[in-house]
N, C-alpha and C. Protein backbone atom coordinates (compact mmCIF):
# COMPACT_ATOMS: atom_id res chain seq x y z
N MET A 1 -11.40 -1.36 15.64
CA MET A 1 -11.79 -1.59 17.01
C MET A 1 -12.62 -2.87 17.10
N GLY A 2 -12.43 -3.56 18.16
CA GLY A 2 -13.24 -4.74 18.39
C GLY A 2 -14.63 -4.35 18.85
N SER A 3 -15.53 -5.30 18.94
CA SER A 3 -16.90 -5.01 19.35
C SER A 3 -16.96 -4.47 20.78
N ASP A 4 -15.90 -4.70 21.57
CA ASP A 4 -15.87 -4.20 22.94
C ASP A 4 -15.33 -2.77 23.03
N GLY A 5 -14.99 -2.16 21.85
CA GLY A 5 -14.50 -0.79 21.83
C GLY A 5 -13.00 -0.67 22.03
N LYS A 6 -12.31 -1.79 22.18
CA LYS A 6 -10.86 -1.75 22.38
C LYS A 6 -10.14 -1.97 21.04
N THR A 7 -8.91 -1.48 20.97
CA THR A 7 -8.10 -1.66 19.77
C THR A 7 -7.82 -3.14 19.56
N LYS A 8 -7.88 -3.56 18.29
CA LYS A 8 -7.69 -4.96 17.95
C LYS A 8 -6.69 -5.05 16.81
N THR A 9 -5.76 -5.97 16.87
CA THR A 9 -4.86 -6.22 15.75
C THR A 9 -5.62 -6.99 14.69
N LEU A 10 -5.63 -6.45 13.46
CA LEU A 10 -6.35 -7.09 12.36
C LEU A 10 -5.37 -7.85 11.48
N HIS A 11 -5.83 -8.94 10.89
CA HIS A 11 -4.97 -9.79 10.09
C HIS A 11 -5.47 -9.88 8.66
N ALA A 12 -4.51 -9.87 7.72
CA ALA A 12 -4.82 -9.99 6.30
C ALA A 12 -5.32 -11.40 6.00
N SER A 13 -5.97 -11.56 4.86
CA SER A 13 -6.52 -12.86 4.47
C SER A 13 -5.78 -13.44 3.27
N TYR A 14 -4.48 -13.30 3.25
CA TYR A 14 -3.66 -13.85 2.17
C TYR A 14 -2.83 -15.01 2.71
N ARG A 15 -2.53 -15.95 1.83
CA ARG A 15 -1.66 -17.07 2.20
C ARG A 15 -0.72 -17.36 1.03
N LEU A 16 0.40 -18.00 1.35
CA LEU A 16 1.33 -18.42 0.30
C LEU A 16 0.68 -19.53 -0.52
N LYS A 17 0.88 -19.48 -1.81
CA LYS A 17 0.43 -20.58 -2.66
C LYS A 17 1.27 -21.80 -2.34
N SER A 18 0.75 -22.97 -2.59
CA SER A 18 1.52 -24.19 -2.37
C SER A 18 2.12 -24.65 -3.69
N GLY A 19 3.20 -25.39 -3.60
CA GLY A 19 3.82 -25.94 -4.80
C GLY A 19 4.96 -25.08 -5.32
N ARG A 20 5.15 -25.15 -6.64
CA ARG A 20 6.26 -24.45 -7.27
C ARG A 20 5.76 -23.46 -8.32
N ARG A 21 6.52 -22.38 -8.46
CA ARG A 21 6.21 -21.38 -9.49
C ARG A 21 6.51 -21.94 -10.88
N PRO A 22 5.81 -21.44 -11.90
CA PRO A 22 6.18 -21.80 -13.27
C PRO A 22 7.60 -21.33 -13.56
N SER A 23 8.29 -22.00 -14.46
CA SER A 23 9.67 -21.61 -14.78
C SER A 23 9.82 -21.37 -16.28
N GLY A 24 11.02 -20.99 -16.67
CA GLY A 24 11.30 -20.70 -18.08
C GLY A 24 10.66 -19.38 -18.48
N ASN A 25 10.03 -19.36 -19.66
CA ASN A 25 9.37 -18.13 -20.13
C ASN A 25 8.12 -17.80 -19.33
N ASP A 26 7.62 -18.74 -18.53
CA ASP A 26 6.38 -18.52 -17.79
C ASP A 26 6.59 -18.03 -16.36
N GLY A 27 7.82 -17.98 -15.88
CA GLY A 27 8.05 -17.51 -14.52
C GLY A 27 9.45 -17.82 -14.03
N PRO A 28 9.75 -17.40 -12.80
CA PRO A 28 11.11 -17.55 -12.27
C PRO A 28 11.42 -18.94 -11.70
N GLY A 29 10.43 -19.79 -11.57
CA GLY A 29 10.66 -21.12 -11.01
C GLY A 29 10.88 -21.06 -9.50
N GLY A 30 11.08 -22.19 -8.89
CA GLY A 30 11.30 -22.27 -7.45
C GLY A 30 9.99 -22.40 -6.68
N ARG A 31 10.14 -22.63 -5.39
CA ARG A 31 8.97 -22.77 -4.53
C ARG A 31 8.34 -21.42 -4.24
N TYR A 32 7.04 -21.41 -4.03
CA TYR A 32 6.36 -20.19 -3.58
C TYR A 32 6.86 -19.91 -2.16
N ASP A 33 7.60 -18.82 -1.99
CA ASP A 33 8.16 -18.51 -0.67
C ASP A 33 7.91 -17.08 -0.22
N GLY A 34 7.14 -16.34 -0.99
CA GLY A 34 6.82 -14.97 -0.61
C GLY A 34 7.73 -13.93 -1.23
N THR A 35 8.70 -14.35 -2.03
CA THR A 35 9.60 -13.41 -2.68
C THR A 35 8.85 -12.50 -3.65
N PHE A 36 7.88 -13.03 -4.35
CA PHE A 36 7.14 -12.30 -5.37
C PHE A 36 5.69 -12.09 -4.93
N ILE A 37 5.10 -10.99 -5.36
CA ILE A 37 3.69 -10.72 -5.05
C ILE A 37 2.82 -11.88 -5.53
N ALA A 38 3.15 -12.43 -6.70
CA ALA A 38 2.36 -13.53 -7.25
C ALA A 38 2.48 -14.82 -6.44
N ASP A 39 3.34 -14.86 -5.42
CA ASP A 39 3.43 -16.03 -4.54
C ASP A 39 2.25 -16.12 -3.59
N TRP A 40 1.47 -15.06 -3.50
CA TRP A 40 0.39 -14.97 -2.53
C TRP A 40 -0.97 -15.09 -3.21
N GLU A 41 -1.95 -15.60 -2.46
CA GLU A 41 -3.32 -15.66 -2.95
C GLU A 41 -4.27 -15.27 -1.82
N TYR A 42 -5.36 -14.65 -2.21
CA TYR A 42 -6.38 -14.26 -1.24
C TYR A 42 -7.13 -15.51 -0.80
N ALA A 43 -7.35 -15.66 0.50
CA ALA A 43 -8.08 -16.79 1.05
C ALA A 43 -9.24 -16.25 1.90
N HIS A 44 -10.41 -16.18 1.30
CA HIS A 44 -11.58 -15.62 1.98
C HIS A 44 -11.76 -16.24 3.36
N GLY A 45 -11.88 -15.38 4.37
CA GLY A 45 -12.12 -15.85 5.73
C GLY A 45 -10.88 -16.22 6.52
N LYS A 46 -9.70 -16.22 5.89
CA LYS A 46 -8.48 -16.58 6.62
C LYS A 46 -8.17 -15.58 7.71
N GLY A 47 -8.36 -14.32 7.43
CA GLY A 47 -8.09 -13.26 8.40
C GLY A 47 -9.32 -12.39 8.59
N ASP A 48 -9.08 -11.16 9.03
CA ASP A 48 -10.17 -10.23 9.31
C ASP A 48 -10.54 -9.38 8.10
N LEU A 49 -9.64 -9.28 7.12
CA LEU A 49 -9.77 -8.29 6.06
C LEU A 49 -10.16 -8.91 4.73
N ASP A 50 -10.71 -8.08 3.84
CA ASP A 50 -11.08 -8.56 2.51
C ASP A 50 -9.89 -8.50 1.57
N GLU A 51 -10.11 -8.79 0.29
CA GLU A 51 -9.01 -8.83 -0.68
C GLU A 51 -8.37 -7.47 -0.93
N PHE A 52 -9.03 -6.39 -0.45
CA PHE A 52 -8.48 -5.05 -0.58
C PHE A 52 -7.74 -4.62 0.68
N ASN A 53 -7.58 -5.51 1.61
CA ASN A 53 -6.99 -5.26 2.93
C ASN A 53 -7.80 -4.22 3.68
N GLY A 54 -9.10 -4.33 3.56
CA GLY A 54 -10.00 -3.42 4.24
C GLY A 54 -11.15 -4.15 4.87
N MET A 55 -11.98 -3.38 5.54
CA MET A 55 -13.17 -3.96 6.16
C MET A 55 -14.16 -2.86 6.50
N TRP A 56 -15.37 -3.23 6.76
CA TRP A 56 -16.40 -2.33 7.21
C TRP A 56 -16.43 -2.41 8.73
N GLY A 57 -16.41 -1.25 9.40
CA GLY A 57 -16.47 -1.29 10.85
C GLY A 57 -16.65 0.10 11.43
N ARG A 58 -16.80 0.14 12.73
CA ARG A 58 -16.94 1.40 13.45
C ARG A 58 -15.57 1.88 13.88
N THR A 59 -15.38 3.19 13.84
CA THR A 59 -14.16 3.80 14.34
C THR A 59 -14.57 4.97 15.22
N SER A 60 -13.62 5.55 15.93
CA SER A 60 -13.96 6.70 16.77
C SER A 60 -14.44 7.87 15.91
N GLU A 61 -13.91 7.99 14.67
CA GLU A 61 -14.34 9.07 13.79
C GLU A 61 -15.68 8.77 13.12
N TYR A 62 -15.99 7.50 12.92
CA TYR A 62 -17.23 7.08 12.25
C TYR A 62 -17.97 6.06 13.12
N PRO A 63 -18.62 6.53 14.17
CA PRO A 63 -19.29 5.59 15.09
C PRO A 63 -20.42 4.80 14.43
N ASP A 64 -20.97 5.29 13.31
CA ASP A 64 -22.02 4.54 12.61
C ASP A 64 -21.45 3.53 11.62
N GLY A 65 -20.13 3.58 11.42
CA GLY A 65 -19.46 2.62 10.55
C GLY A 65 -19.02 3.23 9.23
N THR A 66 -17.94 2.66 8.67
CA THR A 66 -17.39 3.07 7.38
C THR A 66 -16.48 1.95 6.88
N PHE A 67 -16.20 1.96 5.57
CA PHE A 67 -15.21 1.03 5.03
C PHE A 67 -13.85 1.69 5.19
N PHE A 68 -12.85 0.92 5.66
CA PHE A 68 -11.52 1.48 5.81
C PHE A 68 -10.47 0.43 5.44
N TYR A 69 -9.32 0.94 5.00
CA TYR A 69 -8.19 0.10 4.64
C TYR A 69 -7.26 -0.01 5.84
N VAL A 70 -6.51 -1.12 5.91
CA VAL A 70 -5.69 -1.40 7.07
C VAL A 70 -4.26 -1.74 6.64
N LEU A 71 -3.28 -1.20 7.35
CA LEU A 71 -1.88 -1.61 7.19
C LEU A 71 -1.67 -2.77 8.14
N THR A 72 -1.03 -3.82 7.64
CA THR A 72 -0.85 -5.02 8.47
C THR A 72 0.63 -5.38 8.61
N GLU A 73 0.91 -6.25 9.54
CA GLU A 73 2.28 -6.72 9.77
C GLU A 73 2.63 -7.90 8.87
N GLU A 74 1.66 -8.40 8.10
CA GLU A 74 1.92 -9.49 7.18
C GLU A 74 1.44 -9.09 5.78
N PHE A 75 1.84 -9.86 4.77
CA PHE A 75 1.47 -9.56 3.40
C PHE A 75 -0.04 -9.37 3.31
N PRO A 76 -0.51 -8.36 2.61
CA PRO A 76 0.17 -7.44 1.71
C PRO A 76 0.68 -6.15 2.37
N TYR A 77 0.71 -6.05 3.66
CA TYR A 77 1.22 -4.90 4.42
C TYR A 77 0.41 -3.64 4.16
N VAL A 78 0.34 -3.19 2.91
CA VAL A 78 -0.47 -2.03 2.53
C VAL A 78 -1.45 -2.47 1.45
N PRO A 79 -2.63 -1.84 1.37
CA PRO A 79 -3.59 -2.23 0.33
C PRO A 79 -2.98 -2.11 -1.06
N ARG A 80 -3.26 -3.09 -1.91
CA ARG A 80 -2.75 -3.09 -3.28
C ARG A 80 -3.87 -2.89 -4.29
N LYS A 81 -5.10 -2.89 -3.84
CA LYS A 81 -6.26 -2.65 -4.69
C LYS A 81 -7.19 -1.73 -3.91
N PHE A 82 -8.05 -1.05 -4.63
CA PHE A 82 -9.00 -0.17 -3.97
C PHE A 82 -10.41 -0.48 -4.42
N ARG A 83 -11.34 -0.28 -3.55
CA ARG A 83 -12.74 -0.58 -3.79
C ARG A 83 -13.48 0.72 -4.12
N GLY A 84 -14.39 0.66 -5.07
CA GLY A 84 -15.25 1.80 -5.37
C GLY A 84 -14.62 2.82 -6.30
N THR A 85 -15.25 3.97 -6.37
CA THR A 85 -14.78 5.07 -7.20
C THR A 85 -14.36 6.21 -6.30
N PRO A 86 -13.13 6.71 -6.44
CA PRO A 86 -12.70 7.80 -5.56
C PRO A 86 -13.49 9.07 -5.80
N ASP A 87 -13.70 9.81 -4.76
CA ASP A 87 -14.36 11.10 -4.86
C ASP A 87 -13.47 12.02 -5.69
N GLU A 88 -14.06 12.91 -6.47
CA GLU A 88 -13.25 13.78 -7.33
C GLU A 88 -12.34 14.70 -6.53
N SER A 89 -12.57 14.86 -5.22
CA SER A 89 -11.68 15.67 -4.41
C SER A 89 -10.29 15.04 -4.29
N PHE A 90 -10.15 13.76 -4.68
CA PHE A 90 -8.86 13.10 -4.65
C PHE A 90 -8.04 13.37 -5.91
N ALA A 91 -8.66 14.00 -6.92
CA ALA A 91 -7.95 14.27 -8.17
C ALA A 91 -6.82 15.26 -7.93
N LEU A 92 -5.72 15.04 -8.60
CA LEU A 92 -4.58 15.94 -8.51
C LEU A 92 -4.93 17.23 -9.23
N LYS A 93 -4.87 18.32 -8.53
CA LYS A 93 -5.20 19.61 -9.11
C LYS A 93 -4.01 20.53 -8.92
N GLY A 94 -3.61 21.16 -9.97
CA GLY A 94 -2.48 22.07 -9.91
C GLY A 94 -2.89 23.41 -9.34
N PRO A 95 -1.93 24.31 -9.21
CA PRO A 95 -2.23 25.64 -8.68
C PRO A 95 -3.07 26.45 -9.65
N GLY A 96 -3.68 27.49 -9.13
CA GLY A 96 -4.41 28.39 -10.01
C GLY A 96 -5.88 28.10 -10.10
N GLY A 97 -6.52 27.90 -9.03
CA GLY A 97 -7.96 27.74 -9.13
C GLY A 97 -8.51 26.69 -8.21
N ARG A 98 -8.55 25.46 -8.69
CA ARG A 98 -9.29 24.45 -7.95
C ARG A 98 -8.47 23.77 -6.87
N GLY A 99 -7.15 23.78 -6.97
CA GLY A 99 -6.33 23.13 -5.95
C GLY A 99 -6.18 24.02 -4.73
N ARG A 100 -5.72 23.43 -3.64
CA ARG A 100 -5.50 24.23 -2.43
C ARG A 100 -4.26 25.07 -2.61
N PRO A 101 -4.25 26.32 -2.13
CA PRO A 101 -3.07 27.17 -2.27
C PRO A 101 -1.86 26.53 -1.60
N GLY A 102 -0.72 26.71 -2.24
CA GLY A 102 0.53 26.21 -1.65
C GLY A 102 0.85 24.78 -2.02
N PHE A 103 0.01 24.12 -2.81
CA PHE A 103 0.29 22.75 -3.19
C PHE A 103 0.69 22.71 -4.66
N GLY A 104 1.68 21.91 -4.98
CA GLY A 104 2.14 21.79 -6.36
C GLY A 104 3.26 22.76 -6.66
N PRO A 105 3.88 22.63 -7.85
CA PRO A 105 4.98 23.50 -8.22
C PRO A 105 4.49 24.90 -8.55
N PRO A 106 5.36 25.91 -8.51
CA PRO A 106 4.96 27.26 -8.88
C PRO A 106 4.44 27.30 -10.31
N ARG A 107 3.60 28.26 -10.61
CA ARG A 107 3.04 28.39 -11.96
C ARG A 107 4.14 28.47 -12.99
N GLY A 108 3.92 27.74 -14.09
CA GLY A 108 4.85 27.81 -15.21
C GLY A 108 6.11 26.97 -15.02
N SER A 109 6.30 26.36 -13.88
CA SER A 109 7.51 25.55 -13.70
C SER A 109 7.13 24.09 -13.53
N ARG A 110 7.97 23.27 -13.98
CA ARG A 110 7.79 21.83 -13.83
C ARG A 110 9.07 21.27 -13.25
N PRO A 111 8.97 20.41 -12.24
CA PRO A 111 10.20 19.84 -11.70
C PRO A 111 10.85 18.95 -12.75
N GLY A 112 12.15 19.01 -12.83
CA GLY A 112 12.88 18.19 -13.79
C GLY A 112 13.19 16.83 -13.21
N PRO A 113 13.87 16.00 -13.99
CA PRO A 113 14.24 14.68 -13.47
C PRO A 113 15.30 14.83 -12.39
N PRO A 114 15.43 13.84 -11.52
CA PRO A 114 16.45 13.94 -10.49
C PRO A 114 17.83 13.94 -11.12
N PRO A 115 18.81 14.60 -10.49
CA PRO A 115 20.15 14.63 -11.05
C PRO A 115 20.76 13.24 -11.00
N PHE A 116 21.66 12.98 -11.96
CA PHE A 116 22.35 11.71 -11.98
C PHE A 116 23.65 11.84 -11.20
N GLY A 117 24.21 10.74 -10.82
CA GLY A 117 25.46 10.77 -10.08
C GLY A 117 25.22 10.56 -8.60
N PRO A 118 26.29 10.78 -7.79
CA PRO A 118 26.16 10.53 -6.35
C PRO A 118 25.22 11.54 -5.71
N PRO A 119 24.63 11.20 -4.59
CA PRO A 119 23.75 12.14 -3.89
C PRO A 119 24.50 13.42 -3.55
N PRO A 120 23.78 14.53 -3.40
CA PRO A 120 24.45 15.81 -3.17
C PRO A 120 25.24 15.88 -1.87
N PHE A 121 25.00 14.98 -0.93
CA PHE A 121 25.70 15.05 0.35
C PHE A 121 27.01 14.26 0.33
N GLY A 122 27.35 13.66 -0.80
CA GLY A 122 28.62 12.96 -0.93
C GLY A 122 28.52 11.49 -0.60
N PRO A 123 29.64 10.78 -0.68
CA PRO A 123 29.64 9.34 -0.43
C PRO A 123 29.42 9.06 1.06
N PRO A 124 28.97 7.86 1.38
CA PRO A 124 28.79 7.51 2.79
C PRO A 124 30.12 7.49 3.51
N PRO A 125 30.12 7.79 4.81
CA PRO A 125 31.37 7.78 5.57
C PRO A 125 31.96 6.36 5.65
N ALA A 126 33.27 6.31 5.75
CA ALA A 126 33.95 5.01 5.88
C ALA A 126 33.63 4.43 7.25
N THR A 127 33.43 3.13 7.29
CA THR A 127 33.15 2.49 8.58
C THR A 127 34.46 2.07 9.22
N PRO A 128 34.60 2.32 10.52
CA PRO A 128 35.84 1.92 11.21
C PRO A 128 35.97 0.41 11.23
N ARG A 129 37.18 -0.05 11.19
CA ARG A 129 37.42 -1.51 11.22
C ARG A 129 37.84 -1.96 12.56
């Protein structure tokens, strides 16, 4: 939210590197064009967000302020790094005690790898010409 209490579009602080990528054993070569994550660099102050694609601010849920991450319409779109140490409540907990009931696979079972071959619903329909 902006300081006036209205919704505001926030912008990331990343920009394309200038020049050419390393080539040969050191990289794919070519101009920095955004094809690869490494084509981008954080530019402090370019946008509204920090290098974690987050910022400190007030929200309707936290009127006194909190740090929050933002999804943007430009690179990096979603946060790729996280700040701080996650609360232990974020730890993956299986059934049988500390996890919430109904989450995770049934006791004693583990999901196997996905089946190989075509998807179970068959091949895509033919497109009319």
